[in-house]
Amino acid sequence: MFAVAKIMMLLSKKYMQDQAERVIRENKFQVDAIRVVETVDAVDEARRCIKEGANIIVARGVQAQLIKAHTNIPVVEIAMTAQEIGLLMLDSKKMIRKKIPHIAIVSLKNMMSDFSCFDRLFGVKLDCYIIDSFDELERAVENAVHDGADIILGGDHAIRCVERYHIPTLFLRSTEDSMRGALQIASKMAYAIDVEKNSQAQFETVLEIAFNGILKIDGARTILIANHVMEELLGKSESELVGKQLEEELPDIDINALESILKGERDNYFTSIRVRRNPLLLQAAPIRCDGAITGAILSCSQIKNAPPLKSKNVQ
């Protein structure tokens, strides 16, 4: 059994936490923590989650955007469903008692699903001010007001911006549907991470029990992995080898032959080289992934009963 990837949720409202807990309980999702945080604290809290071992963070709106911009962790964004937007249309019509109310939605792109044809479906005039960045939000609100919106739907910051205009607002309130959708995506991502971790662990185990020295390189001939046998052959630790160009550590290797491996022009390469005056038999083979060559594996073994190469300075 391998370790399970950790999913943590950062949410801006207590009601969202309650929704998430119900969805998790009913669908048996594996979530390690749910925290309600202010937007100004979202990045710091995400960094704390990462230190605690989180592999995936689930968040919404501005918080999701900030976490993606300032951390390296995968973020699953909670996007509102068409059904949730439809419910808000009905609530807006109850508040604005006009035959055809003018409704404006001000939101980041990452929160919205497709709501084309809503004008005809709900008998409203719908204008959407979908923005790419939090910095564009105030201008979007100004545009909605200028265009004559009867009511503006948005997140917390959008609603605060609308207050000065004395126009009715509705918070873009999610339901359990959007929570469920985000957690389904997060669970699939966690499974993929688990499979990758397990495959990597198996690969590393094979490396460490191998009798040969093993190097893994990428397509640019940069060393990515070295097992303990290769450390002994080269007289260097893996940390000293990783990131170096292969030809720096194996100067006798034929670069043209290796390039033919990386370009897919040949399936293997055998040769003998000398490292630290010791003769080695080297074999190289390409790493193929979905039809593309992403690097190569090199295996080195000592040639028995071969005399070591003597330096000219040795007496």
C-alpha atoms as a PDB file:
ATOM      1  CA  MET A   1       0.000   0.000   0.000  1.00  0.00           C
ATOM      2  CA  PHE A   2       1.536   3.338  -0.996  1.00  0.00           C
ATOM      3  CA  ALA A   3       1.030   6.750   0.596  1.00  0.00           C
ATOM      4  CA  VAL A   4      -2.135   8.588  -0.398  1.00  0.00           C
ATOM      5  CA  ALA A   5      -1.859  12.085  -1.863  1.00  0.00           C
ATOM      6  CA  LYS A   6      -3.147  14.742   0.541  1.00  0.00           C
ATOM      7  CA  ILE A   7      -6.045  17.009  -0.464  1.00  0.00           C
ATOM      8  CA  MET A   8      -6.719  20.173   1.552  1.00  0.00           C
ATOM      9  CA  MET A   9      -9.516  22.700   1.044  1.00  0.00           C
ATOM     10  CA  LEU A  10      -9.269  26.449   1.675  1.00  0.00           C
ATOM     11  CA  LEU A  11     -12.664  28.170   1.678  1.00  0.00           C
ATOM     12  CA  SER A  12     -13.777  31.737   2.313  1.00  0.00           C
ATOM     13  CA  LYS A  13     -17.131  31.038   4.020  1.00  0.00           C
ATOM     14  CA  LYS A  14     -18.309  28.837   6.868  1.00  0.00           C
ATOM     15  CA  TYR A  15     -21.317  27.676   4.833  1.00  0.00           C
ATOM     16  CA  MET A  16     -18.879  26.358   2.198  1.00  0.00           C
ATOM     17  CA  GLN A  17     -17.142  24.312   4.866  1.00  0.00           C
ATOM     18  CA  ASP A  18     -20.496  22.848   5.908  1.00  0.00           C
ATOM     19  CA  GLN A  19     -21.288  21.999   2.272  1.00  0.00           C
ATOM     20  CA  ALA A  20     -17.879  20.409   1.767  1.00  0.00           C
ATOM     21  CA  GLU A  21     -18.190  18.296   4.902  1.00  0.00           C
ATOM     22  CA  ARG A  22     -21.572  16.944   3.775  1.00  0.00           C
ATOM     23  CA  VAL A  23     -20.279  16.157   0.268  1.00  0.00           C
ATOM     24  CA  ILE A  24     -17.179  14.458   1.681  1.00  0.00           C
ATOM     25  CA  ARG A  25     -19.249  12.397   4.085  1.00  0.00           C
ATOM     26  CA  GLU A  26     -21.820  11.349   1.481  1.00  0.00           C
ATOM     27  CA  ASN A  27     -19.307  10.554  -1.277  1.00  0.00           C
ATOM     28  CA  LYS A  28     -16.499   9.230   0.951  1.00  0.00           C
ATOM     29  CA  PHE A  29     -13.903  11.581  -0.527  1.00  0.00           C
ATOM     30  CA  GLN A  30     -10.504  11.523   1.170  1.00  0.00           C
ATOM     31  CA  VAL A  31      -9.776  15.101   2.293  1.00  0.00           C
ATOM     32  CA  ASP A  32      -7.179  15.811   4.963  1.00  0.00           C
ATOM     33  CA  ALA A  33      -8.270  19.278   6.069  1.00  0.00           C
ATOM     34  CA  ILE A  34     -10.872  21.988   5.426  1.00  0.00           C
ATOM     35  CA  ARG A  35     -10.024  25.504   6.568  1.00  0.00           C
ATOM     36  CA  VAL A  36     -11.992  28.741   6.392  1.00  0.00           C
ATOM     37  CA  VAL A  37      -9.595  31.603   5.649  1.00  0.00           C
ATOM     38  CA  GLU A  38      -9.741  35.262   4.739  1.00  0.00           C
ATOM     39  CA  THR A  39      -8.569  36.068   1.233  1.00  0.00           C
ATOM     40  CA  VAL A  40      -5.621  38.113   2.560  1.00  0.00           C
ATOM     41  CA  ASP A  41      -4.406  34.993   4.397  1.00  0.00           C
ATOM     42  CA  ALA A  42      -5.021  32.479   1.587  1.00  0.00           C
ATOM     43  CA  VAL A  43      -1.443  32.316   0.264  1.00  0.00           C
ATOM     44  CA  ASP A  44       0.130  32.016   3.733  1.00  0.00           C
ATOM     45  CA  GLU A  45      -2.359  29.301   4.653  1.00  0.00           C
ATOM     46  CA  ALA A  46      -1.648  27.465   1.386  1.00  0.00           C
ATOM     47  CA  ARG A  47       2.064  27.525   2.185  1.00  0.00           C
ATOM     48  CA  ARG A  48       1.310  26.080   5.616  1.00  0.00           C
ATOM     49  CA  CYS A  49      -0.695  23.308   3.928  1.00  0.00           C
ATOM     50  CA  ILE A  50       2.257  22.543   1.669  1.00  0.00           C
ATOM     51  CA  LYS A  51       4.578  22.282   4.695  1.00  0.00           C
ATOM     52  CA  GLU A  52       2.076  19.871   6.240  1.00  0.00           C
ATOM     53  CA  GLY A  53       2.330  17.644   3.168  1.00  0.00           C
ATOM     54  CA  ALA A  54      -0.563  18.775   0.980  1.00  0.00           C
ATOM     55  CA  ASN A  55      -0.341  17.618  -2.658  1.00  0.00           C
ATOM     56  CA  ILE A  56      -3.523  19.341  -3.921  1.00  0.00           C
ATOM     57  CA  ILE A  57      -5.464  22.383  -2.713  1.00  0.00           C
ATOM     58  CA  VAL A  58      -9.138  22.998  -3.509  1.00  0.00           C
ATOM     59  CA  ALA A  59     -10.161  26.677  -3.465  1.00  0.00           C
ATOM     60  CA  ARG A  60     -12.511  29.181  -5.116  1.00  0.00           C
ATOM     61  CA  GLY A  61     -12.348  32.478  -6.937  1.00  0.00           C
ATOM     62  CA  VAL A  62      -9.753  35.037  -5.897  1.00  0.00           C
ATOM     63  CA  GLN A  63      -8.259  32.703  -3.315  1.00  0.00           C
ATOM     64  CA  ALA A  64      -7.650  30.015  -5.936  1.00  0.00           C
ATOM     65  CA  GLN A  65      -6.101  32.557  -8.291  1.00  0.00           C
ATOM     66  CA  LEU A  66      -3.748  33.924  -5.602  1.00  0.00           C
ATOM     67  CA  ILE A  67      -2.655  30.447  -4.504  1.00  0.00           C
ATOM     68  CA  LYS A  68      -1.910  29.441  -8.107  1.00  0.00           C
ATOM     69  CA  ALA A  69       0.086  32.623  -8.661  1.00  0.00           C
ATOM     70  CA  HIS A  70       2.223  32.378  -5.519  1.00  0.00           C
ATOM     71  CA  THR A  71       2.776  28.646  -4.958  1.00  0.00           C
ATOM     72  CA  ASN A  72       3.688  25.600  -7.038  1.00  0.00           C
ATOM     73  CA  ILE A  73       0.984  23.290  -5.697  1.00  0.00           C
ATOM     74  CA  PRO A  74      -1.788  22.049  -8.036  1.00  0.00           C
ATOM     75  CA  VAL A  75      -5.032  23.951  -7.341  1.00  0.00           C
ATOM     76  CA  VAL A  76      -8.494  22.605  -8.169  1.00  0.00           C
ATOM     77  CA  GLU A  77     -10.840  25.545  -8.610  1.00  0.00           C
ATOM     78  CA  ILE A  78     -14.460  25.402  -7.458  1.00  0.00           C
ATOM     79  CA  ALA A  79     -16.434  26.608 -10.496  1.00  0.00           C
ATOM     80  CA  MET A  80     -20.106  27.454 -10.255  1.00  0.00           C
ATOM     81  CA  THR A  81     -22.411  25.163 -12.184  1.00  0.00           C
ATOM     82  CA  ALA A  82     -25.044  26.337 -14.664  1.00  0.00           C
ATOM     83  CA  GLN A  83     -27.699  25.139 -12.233  1.00  0.00           C
ATOM     84  CA  GLU A  84     -26.296  27.352  -9.481  1.00  0.00           C
ATOM     85  CA  ILE A  85     -26.294  30.395 -11.794  1.00  0.00           C
ATOM     86  CA  GLY A  86     -29.879  29.540 -12.777  1.00  0.00           C
ATOM     87  CA  LEU A  87     -30.961  29.592  -9.120  1.00  0.00           C
ATOM     88  CA  LEU A  88     -29.361  33.029  -8.751  1.00  0.00           C
ATOM     89  CA  MET A  89     -31.315  34.238 -11.789  1.00  0.00           C
ATOM     90  CA  LEU A  90     -34.563  33.225 -10.074  1.00  0.00           C
ATOM     91  CA  ASP A  91     -33.534  34.904  -6.811  1.00  0.00           C
ATOM     92  CA  SER A  92     -32.616  38.069  -8.716  1.00  0.00           C
ATOM     93  CA  LYS A  93     -36.036  38.186 -10.406  1.00  0.00           C
ATOM     94  CA  LYS A  94     -37.718  37.960  -7.005  1.00  0.00           C
ATOM     95  CA  MET A  95     -35.662  40.909  -5.754  1.00  0.00           C
ATOM     96  CA  ILE A  96     -36.042  43.066  -8.889  1.00  0.00           C
ATOM     97  CA  ARG A  97     -39.707  43.083  -9.716  1.00  0.00           C
ATOM     98  CA  LYS A  98     -39.456  44.000 -13.357  1.00  0.00           C
ATOM     99  CA  LYS A  99     -40.747  42.123 -16.337  1.00  0.00           C
ATOM    100  CA  ILE A 100     -37.203  41.811 -17.702  1.00  0.00           C
ATOM    101  CA  PRO A 101     -34.671  42.705 -14.999  1.00  0.00           C
ATOM    102  CA  HIS A 102     -31.172  43.735 -16.041  1.00  0.00           C
ATOM    103  CA  ILE A 103     -28.761  41.391 -14.218  1.00  0.00           C
ATOM    104  CA  ALA A 104     -24.978  41.748 -14.243  1.00  0.00           C
ATOM    105  CA  ILE A 105     -22.480  39.092 -13.161  1.00  0.00           C
ATOM    106  CA  VAL A 106     -19.003  40.299 -12.190  1.00  0.00           C
ATOM    107  CA  SER A 107     -16.644  37.384 -11.686  1.00  0.00           C
ATOM    108  CA  LEU A 108     -13.249  35.896 -12.349  1.00  0.00           C
ATOM    109  CA  LYS A 109     -13.195  33.547 -15.316  1.00  0.00           C
ATOM    110  CA  ASN A 110     -12.103  30.631 -13.122  1.00  0.00           C
ATOM    111  CA  MET A 111     -15.458  30.597 -11.285  1.00  0.00           C
ATOM    112  CA  MET A 112     -17.848  30.515 -14.214  1.00  0.00           C
ATOM    113  CA  SER A 113     -19.361  27.762 -16.322  1.00  0.00           C
ATOM    114  CA  ASP A 114     -21.298  28.213 -19.568  1.00  0.00           C
ATOM    115  CA  PHE A 115     -24.481  30.265 -19.158  1.00  0.00           C
ATOM    116  CA  SER A 116     -25.317  31.072 -22.760  1.00  0.00           C
ATOM    117  CA  CYS A 117     -29.056  31.350 -23.523  1.00  0.00           C
ATOM    118  CA  PHE A 118     -29.858  32.297 -19.916  1.00  0.00           C
ATOM    119  CA  ASP A 119     -31.522  35.510 -21.167  1.00  0.00           C
ATOM    120  CA  ARG A 120     -34.173  33.499 -22.999  1.00  0.00           C
ATOM    121  CA  LEU A 121     -34.413  30.720 -20.438  1.00  0.00           C
ATOM    122  CA  PHE A 122     -35.072  33.047 -17.494  1.00  0.00           C
ATOM    123  CA  GLY A 123     -36.566  36.112 -19.159  1.00  0.00           C
ATOM    124  CA  VAL A 124     -33.786  38.503 -18.096  1.00  0.00           C
ATOM    125  CA  LYS A 125     -31.249  40.799 -19.679  1.00  0.00           C
ATOM    126  CA  LEU A 126     -27.948  39.284 -18.593  1.00  0.00           C
ATOM    127  CA  ASP A 127     -24.585  41.021 -18.939  1.00  0.00           C
ATOM    128  CA  CYS A 128     -21.461  39.185 -17.856  1.00  0.00           C
ATOM    129  CA  TYR A 129     -18.281  40.979 -16.876  1.00  0.00           C
ATOM    130  CA  ILE A 130     -15.833  38.111 -16.755  1.00  0.00           C
ATOM    131  CA  ILE A 131     -12.313  39.139 -15.798  1.00  0.00           C
ATOM    132  CA  ASP A 132      -8.933  37.404 -15.854  1.00  0.00           C
ATOM    133  CA  SER A 133      -7.399  39.202 -12.879  1.00  0.00           C
ATOM    134  CA  PHE A 134      -8.496  40.481  -9.490  1.00  0.00           C
ATOM    135  CA  ASP A 135      -7.066  43.893 -10.466  1.00  0.00           C
ATOM    136  CA  GLU A 136      -9.761  44.277 -13.135  1.00  0.00           C
ATOM    137  CA  LEU A 137     -12.649  43.815 -10.720  1.00  0.00           C
ATOM    138  CA  GLU A 138     -13.394  47.434  -9.739  1.00  0.00           C
ATOM    139  CA  ARG A 139     -13.442  48.550 -13.356  1.00  0.00           C
ATOM    140  CA  ALA A 140     -15.821  45.688 -14.207  1.00  0.00           C
ATOM    141  CA  VAL A 141     -18.201  46.848 -11.463  1.00  0.00           C
ATOM    142  CA  GLU A 142     -18.040  50.414 -12.785  1.00  0.00           C
ATOM    143  CA  ASN A 143     -18.912  49.141 -16.263  1.00  0.00           C
ATOM    144  CA  ALA A 144     -21.868  47.145 -14.938  1.00  0.00           C
ATOM    145  CA  VAL A 145     -23.226  50.188 -13.115  1.00  0.00           C
ATOM    146  CA  HIS A 146     -22.675  52.420 -16.143  1.00  0.00           C
ATOM    147  CA  ASP A 147     -24.541  49.929 -18.346  1.00  0.00           C
ATOM    148  CA  GLY A 148     -27.620  50.205 -16.121  1.00  0.00           C
ATOM    149  CA  ALA A 149     -27.651  46.922 -14.187  1.00  0.00           C
ATOM    150  CA  ASP A 150     -30.591  46.553 -11.802  1.00  0.00           C
ATOM    151  CA  ILE A 151     -28.687  44.037  -9.662  1.00  0.00           C
ATOM    152  CA  ILE A 152     -25.064  42.877  -9.592  1.00  0.00           C
ATOM    153  CA  LEU A 153     -23.972  39.348  -8.718  1.00  0.00           C
ATOM    154  CA  GLY A 154     -20.433  38.794  -7.539  1.00  0.00           C
ATOM    155  CA  GLY A 155     -18.044  37.686  -4.835  1.00  0.00           C
ATOM    156  CA  ASP A 156     -17.217  39.525  -1.614  1.00  0.00           C
ATOM    157  CA  HIS A 157     -14.960  42.155  -3.155  1.00  0.00           C
ATOM    158  CA  ALA A 158     -17.329  42.850  -6.044  1.00  0.00           C
ATOM    159  CA  ILE A 159     -20.202  43.352  -3.591  1.00  0.00           C
ATOM    160  CA  ARG A 160     -18.097  45.764  -1.508  1.00  0.00           C
ATOM    161  CA  CYS A 161     -17.335  47.729  -4.676  1.00  0.00           C
ATOM    162  CA  VAL A 162     -21.059  47.942  -5.505  1.00  0.00           C
ATOM    163  CA  GLU A 163     -22.036  49.312  -2.070  1.00  0.00           C
ATOM    164  CA  ARG A 164     -21.112  52.912  -2.990  1.00  0.00           C
ATOM    165  CA  TYR A 165     -23.602  52.814  -5.875  1.00  0.00           C
ATOM    166  CA  HIS A 166     -26.579  51.676  -3.740  1.00  0.00           C
ATOM    167  CA  ILE A 167     -27.513  48.936  -6.212  1.00  0.00           C
ATOM    168  CA  PRO A 168     -28.902  45.567  -5.005  1.00  0.00           C
ATOM    169  CA  THR A 169     -26.401  42.685  -4.946  1.00  0.00           C
ATOM    170  CA  LEU A 170     -26.367  38.925  -4.613  1.00  0.00           C
ATOM    171  CA  PHE A 171     -23.389  36.871  -3.500  1.00  0.00           C
ATOM    172  CA  LEU A 172     -22.323  34.164  -5.954  1.00  0.00           C
ATOM    173  CA  ARG A 173     -23.328  31.448  -3.553  1.00  0.00           C
ATOM    174  CA  SER A 174     -22.289  27.945  -4.490  1.00  0.00           C
ATOM    175  CA  THR A 175     -24.141  24.732  -3.697  1.00  0.00           C
ATOM    176  CA  GLU A 176     -22.997  21.216  -3.006  1.00  0.00           C
ATOM    177  CA  ASP A 177     -22.948  20.551  -6.769  1.00  0.00           C
ATOM    178  CA  SER A 178     -19.878  22.708  -7.377  1.00  0.00           C
ATOM    179  CA  MET A 179     -18.178  21.280  -4.280  1.00  0.00           C
ATOM    180  CA  ARG A 180     -18.837  17.764  -5.514  1.00  0.00           C
ATOM    181  CA  GLY A 181     -17.471  18.551  -8.963  1.00  0.00           C
ATOM    182  CA  ALA A 182     -14.267  20.069  -7.581  1.00  0.00           C
ATOM    183  CA  LEU A 183     -13.701  17.184  -5.176  1.00  0.00           C
ATOM    184  CA  GLN A 184     -14.220  14.633  -7.951  1.00  0.00           C
ATOM    185  CA  ILE A 185     -11.492  16.350  -9.971  1.00  0.00           C
ATOM    186  CA  ALA A 186      -9.215  16.556  -6.916  1.00  0.00           C
ATOM    187  CA  SER A 187      -9.739  12.854  -6.173  1.00  0.00           C
ATOM    188  CA  LYS A 188      -8.782  11.903  -9.743  1.00  0.00           C
ATOM    189  CA  MET A 189      -5.673  14.072  -9.502  1.00  0.00           C
ATOM    190  CA  ALA A 190      -4.785  12.469  -6.158  1.00  0.00           C
ATOM    191  CA  TYR A 191      -5.108   9.009  -7.686  1.00  0.00           C
ATOM    192  CA  ALA A 192      -2.808  10.008 -10.548  1.00  0.00           C
ATOM    193  CA  ILE A 193      -0.262  11.377  -8.054  1.00  0.00           C
ATOM    194  CA  ASP A 194      -0.477   8.144  -6.044  1.00  0.00           C
ATOM    195  CA  VAL A 195       0.158   6.031  -9.142  1.00  0.00           C
ATOM    196  CA  GLU A 196       3.107   8.222 -10.127  1.00  0.00           C
ATOM    197  CA  LYS A 197       4.565   8.051  -6.600  1.00  0.00           C
ATOM    198  CA  ASN A 198       4.217   4.277  -6.574  1.00  0.00           C
ATOM    199  CA  SER A 199       5.853   3.942  -9.994  1.00  0.00           C
ATOM    200  CA  GLN A 200       8.694   6.229  -8.917  1.00  0.00           C
ATOM    201  CA  ALA A 201       9.190   4.260  -5.704  1.00  0.00           C
ATOM    202  CA  GLN A 202       9.360   0.999  -7.660  1.00  0.00           C
ATOM    203  CA  PHE A 203      11.834   2.534 -10.111  1.00  0.00           C
ATOM    204  CA  GLU A 204      14.034   3.804  -7.285  1.00  0.00           C
ATOM    205  CA  THR A 205      13.967   0.378  -5.623  1.00  0.00           C
ATOM    206  CA  VAL A 206      15.076  -1.278  -8.865  1.00  0.00           C
ATOM    207  CA  LEU A 207      17.878   1.271  -9.152  1.00  0.00           C
ATOM    208  CA  GLU A 208      19.136   0.637  -5.652  1.00  0.00           C
ATOM    209  CA  ILE A 209      19.185  -3.171  -5.915  1.00  0.00           C
ATOM    210  CA  ALA A 210      20.783  -3.151  -9.366  1.00  0.00           C
ATOM    211  CA  PHE A 211      24.338  -4.495  -9.609  1.00  0.00           C
ATOM    212  CA  ASN A 212      25.150  -2.004 -12.384  1.00  0.00           C
ATOM    213  CA  GLY A 213      25.635   1.710 -12.109  1.00  0.00           C
ATOM    214  CA  ILE A 214      22.539   3.481 -13.460  1.00  0.00           C
ATOM    215  CA  LEU A 215      22.102   7.045 -14.719  1.00  0.00           C
ATOM    216  CA  LYS A 216      18.891   8.621 -15.951  1.00  0.00           C
ATOM    217  CA  ILE A 217      19.220  11.634 -18.256  1.00  0.00           C
ATOM    218  CA  ASP A 218      16.734  13.928 -19.963  1.00  0.00           C
ATOM    219  CA  GLY A 219      16.614  14.890 -23.630  1.00  0.00           C
ATOM    220  CA  ALA A 220      19.238  17.595 -23.076  1.00  0.00           C
ATOM    221  CA  ARG A 221      21.695  15.032 -21.595  1.00  0.00           C
ATOM    222  CA  THR A 222      21.231  16.418 -18.072  1.00  0.00           C
ATOM    223  CA  ILE A 223      21.647  13.865 -15.292  1.00  0.00           C
ATOM    224  CA  LEU A 224      18.419  13.355 -13.326  1.00  0.00           C
ATOM    225  CA  ILE A 225      19.080  10.258 -11.208  1.00  0.00           C
ATOM    226  CA  ALA A 226      22.123   8.204 -10.187  1.00  0.00           C
ATOM    227  CA  ASN A 227      22.023   5.027  -8.106  1.00  0.00           C
ATOM    228  CA  HIS A 228      24.499   4.147  -5.353  1.00  0.00           C
ATOM    229  CA  VAL A 229      26.593   1.897  -7.643  1.00  0.00           C
ATOM    230  CA  MET A 230      27.095   4.783 -10.060  1.00  0.00           C
ATOM    231  CA  GLU A 231      28.025   7.021  -7.137  1.00  0.00           C
ATOM    232  CA  GLU A 232      30.783   4.556  -6.265  1.00  0.00           C
ATOM    233  CA  LEU A 233      31.981   4.238  -9.884  1.00  0.00           C
ATOM    234  CA  LEU A 234      32.179   8.008 -10.343  1.00  0.00           C
ATOM    235  CA  GLY A 235      33.340   8.795  -6.826  1.00  0.00           C
ATOM    236  CA  LYS A 236      30.587  11.389  -6.390  1.00  0.00           C
ATOM    237  CA  SER A 237      27.270  11.589  -4.556  1.00  0.00           C
ATOM    238  CA  GLU A 238      23.975  11.776  -6.405  1.00  0.00           C
ATOM    239  CA  SER A 239      23.534  15.381  -5.266  1.00  0.00           C
ATOM    240  CA  GLU A 240      26.837  16.237  -6.960  1.00  0.00           C
ATOM    241  CA  LEU A 241      25.788  14.491 -10.195  1.00  0.00           C
ATOM    242  CA  VAL A 242      22.187  15.625 -10.621  1.00  0.00           C
ATOM    243  CA  GLY A 243      21.934  18.667 -12.869  1.00  0.00           C
ATOM    244  CA  LYS A 244      25.314  18.099 -14.513  1.00  0.00           C
ATOM    245  CA  GLN A 245      25.760  17.388 -18.221  1.00  0.00           C
ATOM    246  CA  LEU A 246      26.475  13.724 -18.874  1.00  0.00           C
ATOM    247  CA  GLU A 247      29.619  14.422 -20.921  1.00  0.00           C
ATOM    248  CA  GLU A 248      31.114  16.282 -17.947  1.00  0.00           C
ATOM    249  CA  GLU A 249      30.997  13.103 -15.873  1.00  0.00           C
ATOM    250  CA  LEU A 250      31.605  10.599 -18.708  1.00  0.00           C
ATOM    251  CA  PRO A 251      34.004  12.462 -21.038  1.00  0.00           C
ATOM    252  CA  ASP A 252      34.777   9.309 -23.053  1.00  0.00           C
ATOM    253  CA  ILE A 253      31.181   8.856 -24.182  1.00  0.00           C
ATOM    254  CA  ASP A 254      30.356   9.321 -27.860  1.00  0.00           C
ATOM    255  CA  ILE A 255      27.916  12.265 -27.873  1.00  0.00           C
ATOM    256  CA  ASN A 256      26.861  11.639 -31.465  1.00  0.00           C
ATOM    257  CA  ALA A 257      25.888   8.061 -30.644  1.00  0.00           C
ATOM    258  CA  LEU A 258      23.998   9.211 -27.577  1.00  0.00           C
ATOM    259  CA  GLU A 259      22.175  11.881 -29.580  1.00  0.00           C
ATOM    260  CA  SER A 260      21.062   9.215 -32.027  1.00  0.00           C
ATOM    261  CA  ILE A 261      19.458   7.420 -29.058  1.00  0.00           C
ATOM    262  CA  LEU A 262      17.702  10.592 -27.913  1.00  0.00           C
ATOM    263  CA  LYS A 263      16.465  11.331 -31.431  1.00  0.00           C
ATOM    264  CA  GLY A 264      15.043   7.833 -31.848  1.00  0.00           C
ATOM    265  CA  GLU A 265      17.472   6.891 -34.611  1.00  0.00           C
ATOM    266  CA  ARG A 266      18.644   3.799 -32.738  1.00  0.00           C
ATOM    267  CA  ASP A 267      17.286   1.679 -29.903  1.00  0.00           C
ATOM    268  CA  ASN A 268      20.491   1.019 -28.000  1.00  0.00           C
ATOM    269  CA  TYR A 269      24.136   1.910 -27.767  1.00  0.00           C
ATOM    270  CA  PHE A 270      26.938  -0.288 -26.409  1.00  0.00           C
ATOM    271  CA  THR A 271      30.493   0.868 -25.830  1.00  0.00           C
ATOM    272  CA  SER A 272      33.410   0.677 -23.429  1.00  0.00           C
ATOM    273  CA  ILE A 273      34.693   3.733 -21.600  1.00  0.00           C
ATOM    274  CA  ARG A 274      37.094   4.483 -18.783  1.00  0.00           C
ATOM    275  CA  VAL A 275      36.105   6.290 -15.632  1.00  0.00           C
ATOM    276  CA  ARG A 276      38.692   7.074 -12.956  1.00  0.00           C
ATOM    277  CA  ARG A 277      41.070   4.807 -14.923  1.00  0.00           C
ATOM    278  CA  ASN A 278      38.632   1.889 -14.608  1.00  0.00           C
ATOM    279  CA  PRO A 279      37.273   0.220 -17.759  1.00  0.00           C
ATOM    280  CA  LEU A 280      33.459   0.120 -17.898  1.00  0.00           C
ATOM    281  CA  LEU A 281      30.957  -1.436 -20.240  1.00  0.00           C
ATOM    282  CA  LEU A 282      28.200   1.098 -20.975  1.00  0.00           C
ATOM    283  CA  GLN A 283      24.768   0.481 -22.438  1.00  0.00           C
ATOM    284  CA  ALA A 284      22.245   3.235 -23.255  1.00  0.00           C
ATOM    285  CA  ALA A 285      18.575   2.908 -24.199  1.00  0.00           C
ATOM    286  CA  PRO A 286      15.864   5.532 -24.801  1.00  0.00           C
ATOM    287  CA  ILE A 287      12.965   6.300 -22.452  1.00  0.00           C
ATOM    288  CA  ARG A 288       9.739   6.363 -24.466  1.00  0.00           C
ATOM    289  CA  CYS A 289       6.535   7.974 -23.208  1.00  0.00           C
ATOM    290  CA  ASP A 290       3.427   8.158 -25.428  1.00  0.00           C
ATOM    291  CA  GLY A 291       5.569   7.712 -28.515  1.00  0.00           C
ATOM    292  CA  ALA A 292       8.015  10.484 -27.593  1.00  0.00           C
ATOM    293  CA  ILE A 293      11.567  10.041 -26.290  1.00  0.00           C
ATOM    294  CA  THR A 294      11.971  11.921 -23.011  1.00  0.00           C
ATOM    295  CA  GLY A 295      15.514  10.844 -22.129  1.00  0.00           C
ATOM    296  CA  ALA A 296      17.650   7.760 -21.711  1.00  0.00           C
ATOM    297  CA  ILE A 297      18.834   5.209 -19.168  1.00  0.00           C
ATOM    298  CA  LEU A 298      22.553   4.395 -19.053  1.00  0.00           C
ATOM    299  CA  SER A 299      23.846   1.248 -17.375  1.00  0.00           C
ATOM    300  CA  CYS A 300      27.540   0.852 -16.502  1.00  0.00           C
ATOM    301  CA  SER A 301      29.322  -2.273 -15.276  1.00  0.00           C
ATOM    302  CA  GLN A 302      32.963  -2.943 -14.586  1.00  0.00           C
ATOM    303  CA  ILE A 303      34.886  -5.066 -17.098  1.00  0.00           C
ATOM    304  CA  LYS A 304      36.477  -7.854 -15.126  1.00  0.00           C
ATOM    305  CA  ASN A 305      40.174  -8.719 -15.497  1.00  0.00           C
ATOM    306  CA  ALA A 306      40.875  -5.583 -17.541  1.00  0.00           C
ATOM    307  CA  PRO A 307      44.011  -3.664 -16.553  1.00  0.00           C
ATOM    308  CA  PRO A 308      43.340  -0.160 -15.241  1.00  0.00           C
ATOM    309  CA  LEU A 309      44.490   2.753 -17.340  1.00  0.00           C
ATOM    310  CA  LYS A 310      47.683   4.200 -15.848  1.00  0.00           C
ATOM    311  CA  SER A 311      48.344   7.899 -15.698  1.00  0.00           C
ATOM    312  CA  LYS A 312      51.496   9.170 -17.374  1.00  0.00           C
ATOM    313  CA  ASN A 313      52.540  10.611 -14.020  1.00  0.00           C
ATOM    314  CA  VAL A 314      52.379   7.255 -12.244  1.00  0.00           C
ATOM    315  CA  GLN A 315      55.890   5.805 -11.722  1.00  0.00           C
END
